[in-house]
Protein backbone atom coordinates (compact mmCIF):
# COMPACT_ATOMS: atom_id res chain seq x y z
CA MET A 1 7.92 23.45 4.07
CA GLN A 2 5.18 24.48 1.63
CA PHE A 3 2.44 25.02 4.21
CA GLU A 4 3.34 27.69 6.82
CA HIS A 5 0.97 29.75 8.93
CA THR A 6 0.87 32.60 11.39
CA TYR A 7 -0.53 30.29 14.05
CA LYS A 8 2.14 27.88 15.22
CA GLN A 9 -0.51 25.62 16.70
CA TYR A 10 -2.06 25.19 13.25
CA ASP A 11 1.32 24.19 11.81
CA ALA A 12 1.79 21.77 14.69
CA GLU A 13 -1.59 20.15 14.00
CA LEU A 14 -0.79 19.69 10.31
CA GLU A 15 2.64 18.28 11.09
CA SER A 16 1.16 15.90 13.66
CA VAL A 17 -1.24 14.53 11.05
CA ARG A 18 1.59 14.03 8.54
CA ALA A 19 3.70 12.26 11.17
CA LYS A 20 0.84 9.90 12.03
CA VAL A 21 0.39 9.05 8.34
CA LEU A 22 4.06 8.08 8.14
CA GLN A 23 3.73 6.08 11.34
CA MET A 24 0.79 4.23 9.83
CA GLY A 25 2.77 3.66 6.65
CA GLY A 26 5.68 2.17 8.57
CA LEU A 27 3.35 -0.17 10.44
CA VAL A 28 1.69 -1.28 7.21
CA GLU A 29 5.04 -1.97 5.55
CA GLN A 30 6.07 -4.12 8.50
CA GLN A 31 2.79 -6.01 8.19
CA ILE A 32 3.67 -6.82 4.57
CA VAL A 33 7.15 -8.03 5.54
CA ASN A 34 5.82 -10.21 8.35
CA ALA A 35 3.06 -11.67 6.19
CA LEU A 36 5.58 -12.70 3.54
CA ASP A 37 7.82 -14.23 6.21
CA ALA A 38 4.84 -16.20 7.51
CA LEU A 39 4.07 -17.48 4.01
CA VAL A 40 7.59 -18.39 2.96
CA ASN A 41 8.87 -19.81 6.26
CA ALA A 42 5.65 -21.38 7.61
CA ASN A 43 5.83 -19.03 10.60
CA LEU A 44 2.35 -19.40 12.08
CA SER A 45 3.08 -17.28 15.15
CA LEU A 46 4.06 -14.42 12.86
CA ALA A 47 0.88 -14.94 10.83
CA ASP A 48 -1.11 -14.66 14.08
CA SER A 49 0.77 -11.46 14.91
CA VAL A 50 -0.05 -9.88 11.53
CA ILE A 51 -3.74 -10.64 11.95
CA SER A 52 -3.87 -9.37 15.53
CA ASN A 53 -1.95 -6.18 14.63
CA ASP A 54 -4.43 -5.26 11.90
CA HIS A 55 -6.50 -3.49 14.56
CA ARG A 56 -3.57 -1.12 15.16
CA VAL A 57 -3.68 -0.09 11.50
CA ASN A 58 -7.44 0.42 11.71
CA ALA A 59 -7.11 2.45 14.92
CA LEU A 60 -4.58 4.78 13.33
CA GLU A 61 -6.88 5.33 10.36
CA VAL A 62 -9.73 6.32 12.69
CA GLN A 63 -7.48 8.59 14.76
CA ILE A 64 -6.03 10.42 11.74
CA ASP A 65 -9.49 10.77 10.18
CA GLU A 66 -10.76 12.39 13.38
CA ASP A 67 -7.75 14.73 13.47
CA CYS A 68 -8.47 15.83 9.91
CA SER A 69 -12.12 16.43 10.72
CA HIS A 70 -11.15 18.62 13.68
CA ILE A 71 -8.72 20.65 11.55
CA ILE A 72 -11.40 21.24 8.91
CA ALA A 73 -13.95 22.27 11.53
CA ARG A 74 -11.64 24.53 13.54
CA ARG A 75 -9.23 25.94 10.95
CA GLN A 76 -11.30 25.93 7.76
CA PRO A 77 -8.25 25.20 5.59
CA ALA A 78 -8.10 26.49 2.03
CA ALA A 79 -5.96 26.02 -1.09
CA GLY A 80 -2.88 23.88 -0.44
CA ASP A 81 -3.85 23.07 3.15
CA LEU A 82 -7.24 21.76 2.09
CA ARG A 83 -5.64 19.66 -0.64
CA MET A 84 -3.29 18.18 1.92
CA ILE A 85 -6.08 17.27 4.34
CA MET A 86 -8.14 15.73 1.53
CA MET A 87 -5.18 13.68 0.32
CA VAL A 88 -4.32 12.55 3.86
CA VAL A 89 -7.83 11.14 4.22
CA LYS A 90 -7.48 9.30 0.90
CA THR A 91 -3.97 8.09 1.75
CA ILE A 92 -4.94 6.54 5.06
CA THR A 93 -7.80 4.72 3.33
CA ASP A 94 -5.31 3.13 0.94
CA LEU A 95 -2.92 2.33 3.78
CA GLU A 96 -5.72 0.64 5.70
CA ARG A 97 -6.56 -1.46 2.65
CA ILE A 98 -2.91 -2.44 2.26
CA GLY A 99 -3.05 -3.59 5.88
CA ASP A 100 -6.12 -5.67 5.03
CA GLU A 101 -4.26 -7.33 2.15
CA ALA A 102 -1.34 -8.16 4.47
CA ALA A 103 -3.81 -9.76 6.89
CA LYS A 104 -5.21 -11.81 3.98
CA LEU A 105 -1.72 -13.12 3.24
CA ALA A 106 -1.32 -14.12 6.88
CA ARG A 107 -4.65 -15.99 6.81
CA VAL A 108 -3.53 -17.88 3.70
CA ALA A 109 -0.36 -18.88 5.57
CA GLN A 110 -2.49 -20.21 8.42
CA LYS A 111 -4.67 -22.18 6.03
CA ILE A 112 -1.72 -23.69 4.18
CA TYR A 113 0.41 -24.72 7.12
CA GLU A 114 -2.19 -25.68 9.70
CA SER A 115 -3.40 -28.59 7.55
CA ASP A 116 -1.52 -31.58 6.18
CA ARG A 117 -1.36 -31.56 2.43
CA MET A 118 0.51 -33.25 -0.37
CA TYR A 119 1.53 -30.05 -2.14
CA THR A 120 2.99 -26.94 -0.51
CA PRO A 121 3.07 -23.79 -2.64
CA ARG A 122 6.32 -22.25 -3.81
CA PHE A 123 6.55 -18.50 -3.44
CA ALA A 124 9.64 -17.52 -5.45
CA GLU A 125 7.72 -15.22 -7.81
CA ILE A 126 5.67 -13.89 -4.90
CA LYS A 127 8.85 -12.76 -3.12
CA THR A 128 9.83 -10.74 -6.20
CA MET A 129 6.41 -9.10 -6.33
CA VAL A 130 6.52 -8.26 -2.62
CA GLY A 131 9.95 -6.68 -3.05
CA LEU A 132 8.53 -4.44 -5.76
CA VAL A 133 5.42 -3.35 -3.86
CA ARG A 134 7.46 -2.67 -0.72
CA GLU A 135 9.70 -0.37 -2.72
CA MET A 136 6.63 1.30 -4.26
CA LEU A 137 5.09 1.92 -0.86
CA ARG A 138 8.33 3.23 0.60
CA THR A 139 8.89 5.57 -2.34
CA ALA A 140 5.30 6.87 -2.19
CA LEU A 141 5.56 7.53 1.56
CA ASP A 142 8.94 9.24 1.12
CA ALA A 143 7.37 11.47 -1.55
CA PHE A 144 4.58 12.26 0.91
CA ALA A 145 7.05 13.07 3.69
CA ARG A 146 9.14 15.35 1.48
CA LEU A 147 6.29 16.74 -0.64
CA ASP A 148 8.46 15.73 -3.60
CA VAL A 149 6.90 14.46 -6.82
CA SER A 150 10.18 13.53 -8.54
CA LYS A 151 9.92 9.81 -7.74
CA THR A 152 6.17 9.35 -8.07
CA VAL A 153 6.44 8.37 -11.74
CA ASP A 154 8.79 5.53 -10.70
CA VAL A 155 5.96 4.16 -8.55
CA ALA A 156 3.59 4.19 -11.54
CA ARG A 157 6.14 2.38 -13.70
CA GLN A 158 6.74 -0.23 -11.01
CA ASP A 159 2.99 -0.80 -10.78
CA GLU A 160 3.03 -1.82 -14.43
CA GLN A 161 5.80 -4.33 -13.60
CA VAL A 162 3.75 -5.75 -10.74
CA ASP A 163 0.75 -6.13 -13.05
CA GLU A 164 2.91 -8.02 -15.56
CA TYR A 165 4.24 -10.34 -12.82
CA PHE A 166 0.66 -11.03 -11.78
CA ARG A 167 -0.43 -11.87 -15.33
CA ALA A 168 2.59 -14.16 -15.77
CA ALA A 169 1.86 -15.91 -12.46
CA MET A 170 -1.77 -16.40 -13.47
CA ARG A 171 -0.78 -17.96 -16.82
CA GLN A 172 1.68 -20.29 -15.09
CA LEU A 173 -0.83 -21.36 -12.44
CA ILE A 174 -3.51 -22.08 -15.05
CA THR A 175 -1.01 -24.31 -16.85
CA PHE A 176 -0.26 -26.17 -13.60
CA MET A 177 -3.96 -26.75 -12.94
CA LEU A 178 -4.60 -28.04 -16.46
CA GLU A 179 -1.62 -30.40 -16.35
CA ASP A 180 -2.30 -31.78 -12.88
CA PRO A 181 -5.72 -31.30 -11.23
CA ARG A 182 -4.17 -32.19 -7.86
CA THR A 183 -2.48 -28.78 -7.88
CA ILE A 184 -5.75 -26.85 -8.24
CA SER A 185 -6.19 -26.07 -4.54
CA MET A 186 -2.55 -25.01 -4.14
CA SER A 187 -2.60 -22.95 -7.35
CA LEU A 188 -5.73 -21.08 -6.31
CA GLU A 189 -4.10 -20.17 -3.00
CA VAL A 190 -1.01 -18.82 -4.75
CA LEU A 191 -3.24 -16.90 -7.17
CA PHE A 192 -5.11 -15.40 -4.21
CA VAL A 193 -1.77 -14.32 -2.71
CA ALA A 194 -0.57 -12.84 -6.01
CA LYS A 195 -3.80 -10.87 -6.40
CA ALA A 196 -3.48 -9.46 -2.87
CA ILE A 197 0.05 -8.27 -3.65
CA GLU A 198 -1.08 -6.78 -6.95
CA ARG A 199 -3.71 -4.80 -5.02
CA ILE A 200 -1.02 -3.54 -2.62
CA GLY A 201 0.78 -2.19 -5.67
CA ASP A 202 -2.39 -0.43 -6.83
CA HIS A 203 -2.88 1.22 -3.44
CA SER A 204 0.77 2.34 -3.35
CA LYS A 205 0.37 3.91 -6.78
CA ASN A 206 -2.75 5.71 -5.53
CA ILE A 207 -0.71 7.25 -2.70
CA ALA A 208 1.91 8.48 -5.18
CA GLU A 209 -0.85 10.06 -7.29
CA TYR A 210 -2.23 11.83 -4.22
CA VAL A 211 1.20 13.38 -3.63
CA VAL A 212 1.17 14.82 -7.14
CA TYR A 213 -2.23 16.36 -6.48
CA MET A 214 -1.12 17.64 -3.08
CA VAL A 215 1.96 19.38 -4.48
CA LYS A 216 0.92 20.31 -8.03
CA GLY A 217 -2.84 20.58 -7.73
CA LYS A 218 -3.14 18.21 -10.71
CA ASP A 219 -5.30 15.10 -10.60
CA VAL A 220 -3.30 12.36 -12.37
CA ARG A 221 -5.60 9.47 -11.53
CA HIS A 222 -6.67 7.39 -14.56
CA THR A 223 -3.93 8.91 -16.70
CA SER A 224 -1.02 7.22 -18.46
CA VAL A 225 2.48 7.11 -17.00
CA GLN A 226 3.59 9.53 -19.73
CA GLU A 227 0.88 12.04 -18.79
CA MET A 228 1.77 11.70 -15.12
CA GLU A 229 5.42 12.33 -15.95
CA ARG A 230 4.56 15.49 -17.89
CA GLU A 231 2.59 16.85 -14.95
CA THR A 232 5.37 16.14 -12.44
CA LEU A 233 7.97 17.85 -14.64
CA GLN A 234 5.98 21.03 -15.06
CA PRO A 235 7.12 23.87 -12.76
């Protein structure tokens, strides 16, 4: 491991924080899976579960944030350790926001299926987008766990795919609304869902970028995929 210290307790504290981040990431990923299931299969009990479990995501964010504050106050980390603590704080913020987006999807499922309506949305394209963002999140968290930047560029490339799926979905939904005004309400709900998933992709990309900074000390935010790739390949 990159960060080793004379004091075993210090190492244990850092490792505990990293483990809690991964725990939070696993919970958030499950929230995404359950929210999609609720949307596609009209599973209202699962939608309720996603919404009620959002407080667990929030609680983990608060707990990890407090742990990081204590480490800074007691250990006064420097160099790589300080970068790691800073990136952990940023990572849990993005994970919490992913959890919020999953809760939004669950609320849309409640709204759609708790009322009688003529048109029920189809979520074929949404399922493809969710598959992509799940893979992005999993890859970013794996990079965090291993302190390995080799796959972070893949996350950035997949984010571009997610953005293209979102733009295509938006064009299609606008066409539907123009051709048949009765589909406006349904189309807006699907658009809301697609935007939430697109935001999950953005947050997953952020986490991958934090890993690059944590390992390489290079800030690759707001850079192109090609620039990010050059930074990750540098020794």
